[in-house]
Amino acid sequence: MIIEYDVIRRPIQSEKSNLQKEQANQLTFEVAPHANRVEIKNAIEKIFNAKVKSVNTLNIKGKIKRRGRILGKRRDFKKAIVRLMPGQRIDFFEGV
């Protein structure tokens, strides 16, 4: 059984995601690595009560970072860019 809150982990707030939200009605989320587009669409529609037009997914590889002689690695994650239907919006992102 798939629980919607396990699929959607957190919203991603950046300059690019804010521009996408304003210009193209797209929102960006970090999602579970096993989630597919249909599961992401259903989770967004159920959690936020907004109609989704399309979902694009990306697997982001963690960067290797160095701190002196010590090497470390950021974690890998999956990102979903969700386009909402015209006239739809998610109030969670308003005023952020």
Foldseek 3Di string as FASTA:
>chain_A
DDDLCQFFPAWDDDPVQVVCCVPQVKTKTWGAPVDDFVSNQVSCCVPQVFHWDGKDKDWAFWDWDDDPPDIDTDHITMMMITHTDPPTHGCVPPPD
